[in-house]
Amino acid sequence: MMTDGTTTTTDPKQQSISDYTFKLTQRYQHFLDKSTPHILHRWISFGAIFLIYALRVYFVQGFYIVTYGLGIYILQLFLAFLSPQVDPELQDDGLSLPTRGSEEFRPFVRRLPEFKFWYSLTRAFCIAFMLTFFSMFDVPVFWPILLFYWLVLFVSTMKRQIMHMVKYRYVPFTFGKRKYTGKKATIDDAASGRP
């Protein structure tokens, strides 16, 4: 192949590995795309992965540092999942979430969407599970101290997040679409045939 006066040759073996990797990546992405609308099934599969990891750590009685790091990462993901995409503290252009029922309804847009939250959690647990097979990651540590540190961090960050939610009046969870009902028909309307 000639490009700008230089010749390059590609090794057929390298090309076949590249093609195989490309096809594998495409299949993996296709699987992810197909799983996107199946929220319940995705979270059930995550629950199974979580249970396998928890049982592995319990029976091995180790890898508490890996679990602590995983817990910190989960907390960071959860905070991003609960946070709005645009922080109201930093927003000075007058656009804000509605504070009264008469204002325009704007849906809550997360900084970290649900699918990416699930995907990041699943990937993190799979990586942590793989790390439990290498003894160099099994650092001896008194695990109740790590649990206490994590609980203090969790409580303090969640307190700050809840105060932020109350201050800017947003709720990160939506339970279905708002339903607007028109004027209800009365008995006189039904008798006269009016809608």
Protein backbone atom coordinates (compact mmCIF):
# COMPACT_ATOMS: atom_id res chain seq x y z
CA MET A 1 0.00 0.00 0.00
CA MET A 2 1.45 3.36 -1.01
CA THR A 3 0.85 6.42 1.13
CA ASP A 4 2.83 9.62 0.64
CA GLY A 5 5.68 7.76 -1.03
CA THR A 6 6.13 5.19 1.75
CA THR A 7 5.15 1.57 1.71
CA THR A 8 3.53 -0.19 4.59
CA THR A 9 2.89 -3.88 4.84
CA THR A 10 0.42 -5.43 7.22
CA ASP A 11 1.05 -8.82 8.69
CA PRO A 12 -1.87 -11.15 7.87
CA LYS A 13 -1.75 -12.58 11.39
CA GLN A 14 -1.94 -9.09 12.91
CA GLN A 15 -4.78 -8.19 10.55
CA SER A 16 -6.78 -11.28 11.54
CA ILE A 17 -6.32 -10.46 15.25
CA SER A 18 -7.45 -6.91 14.55
CA ASP A 19 -10.51 -8.16 12.65
CA TYR A 20 -11.37 -10.61 15.43
CA THR A 21 -11.04 -7.88 18.07
CA PHE A 22 -13.25 -5.56 16.01
CA LYS A 23 -15.94 -8.24 15.61
CA LEU A 24 -15.80 -9.07 19.31
CA THR A 25 -16.15 -5.40 20.21
CA GLN A 26 -19.12 -5.07 17.87
CA ARG A 27 -20.85 -8.09 19.41
CA TYR A 28 -20.25 -6.76 22.92
CA GLN A 29 -21.67 -3.35 21.98
CA HIS A 30 -24.64 -5.03 20.30
CA PHE A 31 -25.30 -6.98 23.52
CA LEU A 32 -25.16 -3.75 25.55
CA ASP A 33 -27.50 -1.99 23.13
CA LYS A 34 -29.98 -4.87 23.30
CA SER A 35 -29.88 -4.89 27.11
CA THR A 36 -30.59 -1.16 27.50
CA PRO A 37 -34.42 -1.35 27.70
CA HIS A 38 -34.38 -4.38 30.04
CA ILE A 39 -33.84 -2.51 33.30
CA LEU A 40 -35.09 -5.20 35.68
CA HIS A 41 -33.06 -7.98 34.02
CA ARG A 42 -29.91 -5.84 34.09
CA TRP A 43 -30.29 -5.12 37.80
CA ILE A 44 -31.03 -8.77 38.57
CA SER A 45 -27.81 -9.73 36.77
CA PHE A 46 -25.96 -7.09 38.78
CA GLY A 47 -27.45 -8.54 41.98
CA ALA A 48 -26.10 -11.96 41.01
CA ILE A 49 -22.64 -10.51 40.37
CA PHE A 50 -22.78 -8.66 43.69
CA LEU A 51 -23.76 -11.86 45.51
CA ILE A 52 -20.93 -13.83 43.88
CA TYR A 53 -18.41 -11.15 44.88
CA ALA A 54 -19.75 -10.94 48.45
CA LEU A 55 -19.60 -14.72 48.85
CA ARG A 56 -16.05 -14.79 47.47
CA VAL A 57 -14.87 -12.16 49.97
CA TYR A 58 -16.75 -13.84 52.82
CA PHE A 59 -15.35 -17.32 52.20
CA VAL A 60 -11.81 -16.16 51.46
CA GLN A 61 -11.87 -13.86 54.52
CA GLY A 62 -9.71 -11.28 52.81
CA PHE A 63 -9.44 -8.59 50.13
CA TYR A 64 -10.90 -5.95 52.41
CA ILE A 65 -8.81 -3.20 50.82
CA VAL A 66 -10.23 -4.11 47.41
CA THR A 67 -13.73 -4.07 48.88
CA TYR A 68 -13.08 -0.70 50.56
CA GLY A 69 -11.88 0.78 47.26
CA LEU A 70 -14.93 -0.68 45.57
CA GLY A 71 -17.16 0.88 48.23
CA ILE A 72 -15.60 4.32 47.68
CA TYR A 73 -16.12 3.96 43.93
CA ILE A 74 -19.76 2.88 44.45
CA LEU A 75 -20.34 5.93 46.64
CA GLN A 76 -18.87 8.22 43.98
CA LEU A 77 -21.09 6.64 41.30
CA PHE A 78 -24.17 6.89 43.51
CA LEU A 79 -23.57 10.59 44.16
CA ALA A 80 -23.21 11.21 40.43
CA PHE A 81 -26.44 9.25 39.89
CA LEU A 82 -28.29 11.45 42.41
CA SER A 83 -26.85 14.74 41.17
CA PRO A 84 -28.39 16.88 38.42
CA GLN A 85 -26.47 17.25 35.19
CA VAL A 86 -26.22 21.01 35.70
CA ASP A 87 -25.48 22.00 39.28
CA PRO A 88 -27.96 24.70 40.41
CA GLU A 89 -25.21 26.29 42.57
CA LEU A 90 -23.12 26.99 39.49
CA GLN A 91 -26.03 28.01 37.28
CA ASP A 92 -26.41 31.78 37.08
CA ASP A 93 -28.45 32.14 33.90
CA GLY A 94 -31.85 32.02 35.57
CA LEU A 95 -32.69 28.51 34.39
CA SER A 96 -33.57 26.39 37.36
CA LEU A 97 -35.74 23.52 38.37
CA PRO A 98 -39.36 24.58 38.95
CA THR A 99 -40.25 25.44 42.51
CA ARG A 100 -44.00 25.89 42.01
CA GLY A 101 -46.61 23.78 40.26
CA SER A 102 -47.41 26.59 37.82
CA GLU A 103 -43.89 26.69 36.40
CA GLU A 104 -42.82 24.71 33.38
CA PHE A 105 -42.12 21.03 34.11
CA ARG A 106 -38.55 20.02 33.40
CA PRO A 107 -37.58 16.42 33.97
CA PHE A 108 -34.65 15.62 36.22
CA VAL A 109 -31.57 14.97 34.10
CA ARG A 110 -28.90 13.02 35.94
CA ARG A 111 -25.19 13.62 35.78
CA LEU A 112 -24.79 9.83 35.47
CA PRO A 113 -27.66 8.10 33.62
CA GLU A 114 -29.10 4.85 34.94
CA PHE A 115 -27.56 2.67 32.23
CA LYS A 116 -24.08 4.07 32.76
CA PHE A 117 -24.56 3.71 36.52
CA TRP A 118 -25.47 0.04 36.10
CA TYR A 119 -22.67 -0.57 33.61
CA SER A 120 -20.02 1.10 35.78
CA LEU A 121 -21.16 -0.84 38.87
CA THR A 122 -21.17 -4.15 37.02
CA ARG A 123 -17.76 -3.53 35.50
CA ALA A 124 -16.33 -2.47 38.89
CA PHE A 125 -17.60 -5.61 40.61
CA CYS A 126 -16.21 -7.81 37.83
CA ILE A 127 -12.80 -6.15 38.10
CA ALA A 128 -12.85 -6.42 41.91
CA PHE A 129 -13.83 -10.09 41.59
CA MET A 130 -10.85 -10.71 39.30
CA LEU A 131 -8.55 -8.95 41.79
CA THR A 132 -9.56 -11.45 44.48
CA PHE A 133 -7.63 -14.14 42.60
CA PHE A 134 -4.28 -12.36 43.10
CA SER A 135 -2.79 -12.63 46.58
CA MET A 136 -0.84 -9.37 46.25
CA PHE A 137 -4.15 -7.50 46.67
CA ASP A 138 -4.96 -9.31 49.90
CA VAL A 139 -3.37 -6.81 52.28
CA PRO A 140 -3.91 -7.75 55.94
CA VAL A 141 -6.02 -5.05 57.56
CA PHE A 142 -8.48 -4.76 60.43
CA TRP A 143 -11.70 -4.58 58.41
CA PRO A 144 -13.98 -2.96 61.05
CA ILE A 145 -11.89 0.23 60.79
CA LEU A 146 -12.38 0.33 57.02
CA LEU A 147 -16.10 -0.25 57.47
CA PHE A 148 -16.27 2.56 60.02
CA TYR A 149 -14.36 4.94 57.70
CA TRP A 150 -16.69 4.08 54.84
CA LEU A 151 -19.83 4.57 56.96
CA VAL A 152 -18.59 7.99 58.17
CA LEU A 153 -17.85 8.97 54.56
CA PHE A 154 -21.23 7.70 53.40
CA VAL A 155 -23.19 9.53 56.10
CA SER A 156 -21.34 12.83 55.61
CA THR A 157 -21.62 12.83 51.81
CA MET A 158 -25.27 11.76 51.82
CA LYS A 159 -26.09 14.44 54.39
CA ARG A 160 -24.47 17.03 52.13
CA GLN A 161 -26.31 15.66 49.08
CA ILE A 162 -29.70 15.66 50.83
CA MET A 163 -29.14 19.24 52.02
CA HIS A 164 -28.33 20.18 48.41
CA MET A 165 -31.55 18.49 47.22
CA VAL A 166 -33.62 20.34 49.81
CA LYS A 167 -31.95 23.68 49.11
CA TYR A 168 -32.55 23.53 45.35
CA ARG A 169 -35.84 21.59 45.57
CA TYR A 170 -35.16 18.69 43.27
CA VAL A 171 -35.96 15.01 43.60
CA PRO A 172 -33.71 12.65 41.64
CA PHE A 173 -36.38 9.97 41.32
CA THR A 174 -39.37 10.11 39.02
CA PHE A 175 -42.16 7.63 39.44
CA GLY A 176 -43.79 7.71 36.05
CA LYS A 177 -44.96 10.50 33.82
CA ARG A 178 -47.23 13.24 35.14
CA LYS A 179 -50.84 12.67 34.22
CA TYR A 180 -53.07 15.63 33.54
CA THR A 181 -56.81 15.09 33.67
CA GLY A 182 -59.30 17.41 32.16
CA LYS A 183 -62.61 18.53 33.62
CA LYS A 184 -64.61 15.53 34.81
CA ALA A 185 -67.96 14.97 33.18
CA THR A 186 -70.99 15.58 35.38
CA ILE A 187 -74.32 13.74 35.32
CA ASP A 188 -75.93 16.63 33.34
CA ASP A 189 -73.14 16.43 30.72
CA ALA A 190 -73.61 12.68 30.34
CA ALA A 191 -77.40 13.03 29.93
CA SER A 192 -77.12 15.75 27.29
CA GLY A 193 -74.49 13.87 25.30
CA ARG A 194 -71.77 16.48 25.84
CA PRO A 195 -68.22 15.16 26.42
